[in-house]
Structure formats: C-alpha cells, structure tokens
N, C-alpha and C. Protein backbone atom coordinates (compact mmCIF):
# COMPACT_ATOMS: atom_id res chain seq x y z
N UNK A 1 1.13 -10.42 -16.05
CA UNK A 1 2.02 -9.66 -15.18
C UNK A 1 1.40 -8.33 -14.79
N UNK A 2 0.66 -7.70 -15.67
CA UNK A 2 0.04 -6.42 -15.34
C UNK A 2 -0.92 -6.60 -14.17
N UNK A 3 -1.60 -7.74 -14.10
CA UNK A 3 -2.55 -7.96 -13.02
C UNK A 3 -1.86 -7.98 -11.66
N UNK A 4 -0.63 -8.45 -11.60
CA UNK A 4 0.13 -8.43 -10.35
C UNK A 4 0.42 -7.00 -9.93
N UNK A 5 0.80 -6.16 -10.90
CA UNK A 5 1.07 -4.76 -10.59
C UNK A 5 -0.21 -4.04 -10.16
N UNK A 6 -1.31 -4.35 -10.81
CA UNK A 6 -2.58 -3.71 -10.45
C UNK A 6 -3.00 -4.12 -9.04
N UNK A 7 -2.88 -5.40 -8.70
CA UNK A 7 -3.25 -5.84 -7.35
C UNK A 7 -2.33 -5.23 -6.31
N UNK A 8 -1.07 -5.03 -6.67
CA UNK A 8 -0.13 -4.38 -5.76
C UNK A 8 -0.52 -2.92 -5.52
N UNK A 9 -0.93 -2.23 -6.59
CA UNK A 9 -1.37 -0.84 -6.45
C UNK A 9 -2.62 -0.77 -5.57
N UNK A 10 -3.56 -1.69 -5.77
CA UNK A 10 -4.78 -1.69 -4.97
C UNK A 10 -4.48 -1.97 -3.50
N UNK A 11 -3.63 -2.94 -3.22
CA UNK A 11 -3.26 -3.25 -1.84
C UNK A 11 -2.51 -2.09 -1.22
N UNK A 12 -1.65 -1.47 -2.01
CA UNK A 12 -0.89 -0.32 -1.53
C UNK A 12 -1.82 0.84 -1.19
N UNK A 13 -2.89 1.01 -1.96
CA UNK A 13 -3.86 2.07 -1.67
C UNK A 13 -4.55 1.82 -0.33
N UNK A 14 -4.86 0.57 -0.03
CA UNK A 14 -5.44 0.23 1.27
C UNK A 14 -4.47 0.63 2.38
N UNK A 15 -3.18 0.33 2.17
CA UNK A 15 -2.17 0.68 3.16
C UNK A 15 -2.05 2.19 3.33
N UNK A 16 -2.06 2.93 2.22
CA UNK A 16 -1.98 4.38 2.30
C UNK A 16 -3.20 4.98 2.99
N UNK A 17 -4.39 4.42 2.73
CA UNK A 17 -5.60 4.91 3.38
C UNK A 17 -5.53 4.69 4.90
N UNK A 18 -5.10 3.50 5.31
CA UNK A 18 -4.99 3.20 6.74
C UNK A 18 -3.94 4.10 7.39
N UNK A 19 -2.84 4.29 6.68
CA UNK A 19 -1.76 5.13 7.17
C UNK A 19 -2.22 6.58 7.35
N UNK A 20 -2.95 7.10 6.36
CA UNK A 20 -3.47 8.47 6.44
C UNK A 20 -4.44 8.61 7.60
N UNK A 21 -5.27 7.60 7.81
CA UNK A 21 -6.21 7.62 8.93
C UNK A 21 -5.46 7.62 10.26
N UNK A 22 -4.41 6.83 10.36
CA UNK A 22 -3.60 6.80 11.58
C UNK A 22 -2.99 8.18 11.86
N UNK A 23 -2.45 8.80 10.82
CA UNK A 23 -1.83 10.12 10.98
C UNK A 23 -2.88 11.17 11.35
N UNK A 24 -4.04 11.10 10.72
CA UNK A 24 -5.10 12.07 11.00
C UNK A 24 -5.59 11.97 12.45
N UNK A 25 -5.45 10.81 13.05
CA UNK A 25 -5.93 10.60 14.41
C UNK A 25 -4.83 10.61 15.46
N UNK A 26 -3.69 11.19 15.12
CA UNK A 26 -2.56 11.20 16.05
C UNK A 26 -2.90 11.93 17.35
N UNK A 27 -3.82 12.87 17.32
CA UNK A 27 -4.20 13.60 18.54
C UNK A 27 -5.54 13.16 19.11
N UNK A 28 -6.08 12.04 18.63
CA UNK A 28 -7.35 11.53 19.14
C UNK A 28 -7.09 10.63 20.34
N UNK A 29 -7.59 11.03 21.48
CA UNK A 29 -7.39 10.24 22.70
C UNK A 29 -7.93 8.82 22.54
N UNK A 30 -7.13 7.85 22.95
CA UNK A 30 -7.53 6.44 22.93
C UNK A 30 -7.52 5.79 21.56
N UNK A 31 -7.05 6.50 20.53
CA UNK A 31 -7.05 5.93 19.17
C UNK A 31 -6.04 4.80 19.06
N UNK A 32 -6.49 3.69 18.45
CA UNK A 32 -5.63 2.54 18.18
C UNK A 32 -5.41 2.47 16.67
N UNK A 33 -4.17 2.61 16.21
CA UNK A 33 -3.90 2.63 14.77
C UNK A 33 -4.11 1.27 14.11
N UNK A 34 -4.31 1.32 12.82
CA UNK A 34 -4.44 0.11 12.01
C UNK A 34 -3.10 -0.20 11.39
N UNK A 35 -2.69 -1.45 11.50
CA UNK A 35 -1.45 -1.93 10.91
C UNK A 35 -1.80 -2.73 9.66
N UNK A 36 -1.03 -2.59 8.62
CA UNK A 36 -1.31 -3.29 7.35
C UNK A 36 -0.13 -4.18 7.02
N UNK A 37 -0.42 -5.43 6.70
CA UNK A 37 0.59 -6.39 6.25
C UNK A 37 0.24 -6.82 4.84
N UNK A 38 1.22 -6.80 3.97
CA UNK A 38 1.03 -7.23 2.59
C UNK A 38 1.37 -8.71 2.48
N UNK A 39 0.61 -9.42 1.63
CA UNK A 39 0.91 -10.83 1.39
C UNK A 39 0.62 -11.17 -0.06
N UNK A 40 1.32 -12.19 -0.54
CA UNK A 40 1.12 -12.69 -1.90
C UNK A 40 0.18 -13.88 -1.85
N UNK A 41 -0.75 -13.93 -2.79
CA UNK A 41 -1.64 -15.09 -2.91
C UNK A 41 -1.01 -16.10 -3.86
N UNK A 42 -1.59 -17.26 -3.92
CA UNK A 42 -1.07 -18.31 -4.80
C UNK A 42 -1.17 -17.93 -6.28
N UNK A 43 -2.09 -17.02 -6.62
CA UNK A 43 -2.24 -16.60 -8.01
C UNK A 43 -1.43 -15.34 -8.31
N UNK A 44 -0.40 -15.09 -7.51
CA UNK A 44 0.54 -13.99 -7.69
C UNK A 44 -0.08 -12.60 -7.53
N UNK A 45 -1.21 -12.50 -6.83
CA UNK A 45 -1.76 -11.18 -6.55
C UNK A 45 -1.35 -10.77 -5.14
N UNK A 46 -1.38 -9.47 -4.90
CA UNK A 46 -0.97 -8.93 -3.62
C UNK A 46 -2.22 -8.48 -2.87
N UNK A 47 -2.30 -8.80 -1.58
CA UNK A 47 -3.43 -8.37 -0.77
C UNK A 47 -2.92 -7.65 0.48
N UNK A 48 -3.76 -6.75 0.99
CA UNK A 48 -3.46 -6.03 2.22
C UNK A 48 -4.31 -6.60 3.34
N UNK A 49 -3.68 -6.96 4.44
CA UNK A 49 -4.38 -7.49 5.60
C UNK A 49 -4.32 -6.45 6.71
N UNK A 50 -5.50 -6.04 7.19
CA UNK A 50 -5.60 -5.00 8.21
C UNK A 50 -5.72 -5.61 9.60
N UNK A 51 -5.08 -4.94 10.57
CA UNK A 51 -5.15 -5.38 11.96
C UNK A 51 -5.06 -4.15 12.84
N UNK A 52 -6.00 -4.01 13.77
CA UNK A 52 -5.97 -2.89 14.70
C UNK A 52 -4.96 -3.23 15.80
N UNK A 53 -4.17 -2.24 16.18
CA UNK A 53 -3.14 -2.44 17.19
C UNK A 53 -3.75 -2.87 18.52
N UNK A 54 -2.99 -3.62 19.29
CA UNK A 54 -3.42 -4.03 20.62
C UNK A 54 -3.60 -2.81 21.51
N UNK A 55 -4.56 -2.87 22.39
CA UNK A 55 -4.82 -1.77 23.31
C UNK A 55 -3.78 -1.79 24.43
N UNK A 56 -3.04 -0.71 24.55
CA UNK A 56 -2.02 -0.62 25.60
C UNK A 56 -2.58 -0.02 26.89
N UNK A 57 -3.84 0.38 26.84
CA UNK A 57 -4.46 0.99 28.01
C UNK A 57 -4.18 2.47 28.13
N UNK A 58 -3.45 3.02 27.16
CA UNK A 58 -3.12 4.45 27.19
C UNK A 58 -4.35 5.27 26.84
N UNK A 59 -4.49 6.40 27.51
CA UNK A 59 -5.60 7.30 27.18
C UNK A 59 -5.26 8.18 25.99
N UNK A 60 -4.01 8.18 25.58
CA UNK A 60 -3.56 8.97 24.42
C UNK A 60 -3.59 8.10 23.17
N UNK A 61 -3.47 8.75 22.02
CA UNK A 61 -3.39 8.02 20.76
C UNK A 61 -2.15 7.15 20.74
N UNK A 62 -2.27 5.96 20.18
CA UNK A 62 -1.14 5.04 20.09
C UNK A 62 -0.43 5.12 18.74
N UNK A 63 -0.80 6.12 17.95
CA UNK A 63 -0.16 6.30 16.64
C UNK A 63 1.29 6.74 16.82
N UNK A 64 2.19 6.06 16.11
CA UNK A 64 3.62 6.36 16.17
C UNK A 64 4.03 7.02 14.85
N UNK A 65 4.21 8.34 14.87
CA UNK A 65 4.56 9.06 13.64
C UNK A 65 5.92 8.63 13.09
N UNK A 66 6.80 8.14 13.94
CA UNK A 66 8.11 7.65 13.48
C UNK A 66 7.96 6.42 12.59
N UNK A 67 6.84 5.73 12.68
CA UNK A 67 6.53 4.60 11.81
C UNK A 67 5.67 5.04 10.63
N UNK A 68 4.69 5.89 10.90
CA UNK A 68 3.70 6.25 9.89
C UNK A 68 4.28 7.09 8.74
N UNK A 69 5.13 8.05 9.05
CA UNK A 69 5.68 8.92 8.00
C UNK A 69 6.55 8.13 7.02
N UNK A 70 7.50 7.30 7.48
CA UNK A 70 8.27 6.49 6.52
C UNK A 70 7.38 5.52 5.72
N UNK A 71 6.35 4.96 6.38
CA UNK A 71 5.43 4.08 5.66
C UNK A 71 4.73 4.83 4.52
N UNK A 72 4.38 6.08 4.75
CA UNK A 72 3.74 6.89 3.72
C UNK A 72 4.68 7.09 2.54
N UNK A 73 5.94 7.37 2.83
CA UNK A 73 6.94 7.57 1.76
C UNK A 73 7.13 6.28 0.96
N UNK A 74 7.24 5.17 1.66
CA UNK A 74 7.39 3.87 0.99
C UNK A 74 6.17 3.59 0.11
N UNK A 75 4.99 3.87 0.63
CA UNK A 75 3.76 3.63 -0.13
C UNK A 75 3.70 4.41 -1.42
N UNK A 76 4.10 5.66 -1.38
CA UNK A 76 4.12 6.49 -2.59
C UNK A 76 5.12 5.92 -3.61
N UNK A 77 6.28 5.50 -3.12
CA UNK A 77 7.30 4.94 -4.02
C UNK A 77 6.87 3.61 -4.63
N UNK A 78 6.20 2.78 -3.85
CA UNK A 78 5.69 1.50 -4.36
C UNK A 78 4.70 1.74 -5.50
N UNK A 79 3.81 2.69 -5.31
CA UNK A 79 2.84 3.01 -6.37
C UNK A 79 3.55 3.48 -7.63
N UNK A 80 4.55 4.33 -7.48
CA UNK A 80 5.29 4.85 -8.64
C UNK A 80 6.00 3.72 -9.40
N UNK A 81 6.59 2.80 -8.68
CA UNK A 81 7.30 1.68 -9.32
C UNK A 81 6.32 0.80 -10.09
N UNK A 82 5.16 0.52 -9.50
CA UNK A 82 4.16 -0.32 -10.18
C UNK A 82 3.61 0.38 -11.42
N UNK A 83 3.38 1.66 -11.36
CA UNK A 83 2.89 2.40 -12.53
C UNK A 83 3.95 2.36 -13.63
N UNK A 84 5.21 2.53 -13.28
CA UNK A 84 6.29 2.46 -14.27
C UNK A 84 6.35 1.07 -14.92
N UNK A 85 6.19 0.03 -14.12
CA UNK A 85 6.20 -1.33 -14.66
C UNK A 85 5.04 -1.56 -15.63
N UNK A 86 3.87 -1.05 -15.29
CA UNK A 86 2.70 -1.19 -16.18
C UNK A 86 2.94 -0.44 -17.48
N UNK A 87 3.46 0.77 -17.40
CA UNK A 87 3.76 1.55 -18.62
C UNK A 87 4.75 0.81 -19.51
N UNK A 88 5.80 0.26 -18.90
CA UNK A 88 6.81 -0.46 -19.67
C UNK A 88 6.21 -1.68 -20.36
N UNK A 89 5.38 -2.43 -19.63
CA UNK A 89 4.73 -3.60 -20.22
C UNK A 89 3.82 -3.19 -21.37
N UNK A 90 3.12 -2.09 -21.20
CA UNK A 90 2.22 -1.60 -22.25
C UNK A 90 3.01 -1.19 -23.50
N UNK A 91 4.13 -0.51 -23.29
CA UNK A 91 4.98 -0.11 -24.43
C UNK A 91 5.56 -1.33 -25.14
N UNK A 92 5.98 -2.32 -24.37
CA UNK A 92 6.54 -3.54 -24.98
C UNK A 92 5.47 -4.28 -25.80
N UNK A 93 4.26 -4.35 -25.25
CA UNK A 93 3.18 -5.01 -25.99
C UNK A 93 2.87 -4.26 -27.28
N UNK A 94 2.89 -2.93 -27.22
CA UNK A 94 2.66 -2.14 -28.43
C UNK A 94 3.74 -2.39 -29.46
N UNK A 95 5.00 -2.49 -29.02
CA UNK A 95 6.10 -2.75 -29.94
C UNK A 95 5.97 -4.13 -30.56
N UNK A 96 5.57 -5.12 -29.78
CA UNK A 96 5.38 -6.46 -30.31
C UNK A 96 4.27 -6.50 -31.34
N UNK A 97 3.20 -5.78 -31.07
CA UNK A 97 2.09 -5.74 -32.03
C UNK A 97 2.50 -5.02 -33.32
N UNK A 98 3.34 -3.97 -33.20
CA UNK A 98 3.84 -3.26 -34.39
C UNK A 98 4.71 -4.18 -35.23
N UNK A 99 5.53 -5.00 -34.59
CA UNK A 99 6.42 -5.91 -35.31
C UNK A 99 5.60 -6.97 -36.05
N UNK A 100 4.56 -7.47 -35.37
CA UNK A 100 3.73 -8.51 -35.97
C UNK A 100 2.92 -8.00 -37.16
N UNK A 101 2.53 -6.73 -37.12
CA UNK A 101 1.67 -6.15 -38.17
C UNK A 101 2.44 -5.82 -39.39
C-alpha cells in the first residue's frame, strides 16, 4: 500500500511542476500550457500523463489562472494526504512489530 502512496506523490509532483511552469509563463506570448491527467495502472500505481494544450492561434499565453491556482491547491492537499497515509501505515507496522516481539 505504501508504494501506491509513493507513486501518487511522484505523479502529483509532476503535476505540480507542470502547473508551476504554466503559472510562470502566464505572460509569455504564444505559450501553450501543459495539462496533466492522472491515471491508475493495473499494478495500483498512479502515473501522470502530460499533454500540451491545443494551439488556439492566440499570440498571448493560453494559461488560465482560474484553472491553475485551484490545481496548485489541490496538488498540495493531495501530497499532504499521501504523506499522512504513509505515516499512519508506518506507525501501524511499528505497532504490529512491537506486539510480535
């Protein structure tokens, strides 16, 4: 189970990196933001799939801060939840080992 949380944290980091890049380029003319989609693999790991937005022909940046800022908040919360789950699993394993000893 810890491996699922770790893969989720890694995929989430990819999403946060792409999101930060999109925000940093909000004033870059002709910039096309990267969109990230999360998916589960058959082995219960989480992966991030990157896709550059379609070109709308605009000479301005196509970054939408109304999407990027909430995505950043969600990304931070996802990381916090996964870290909490890993800590809880680690504490439970320690308790089980104490009982067995």
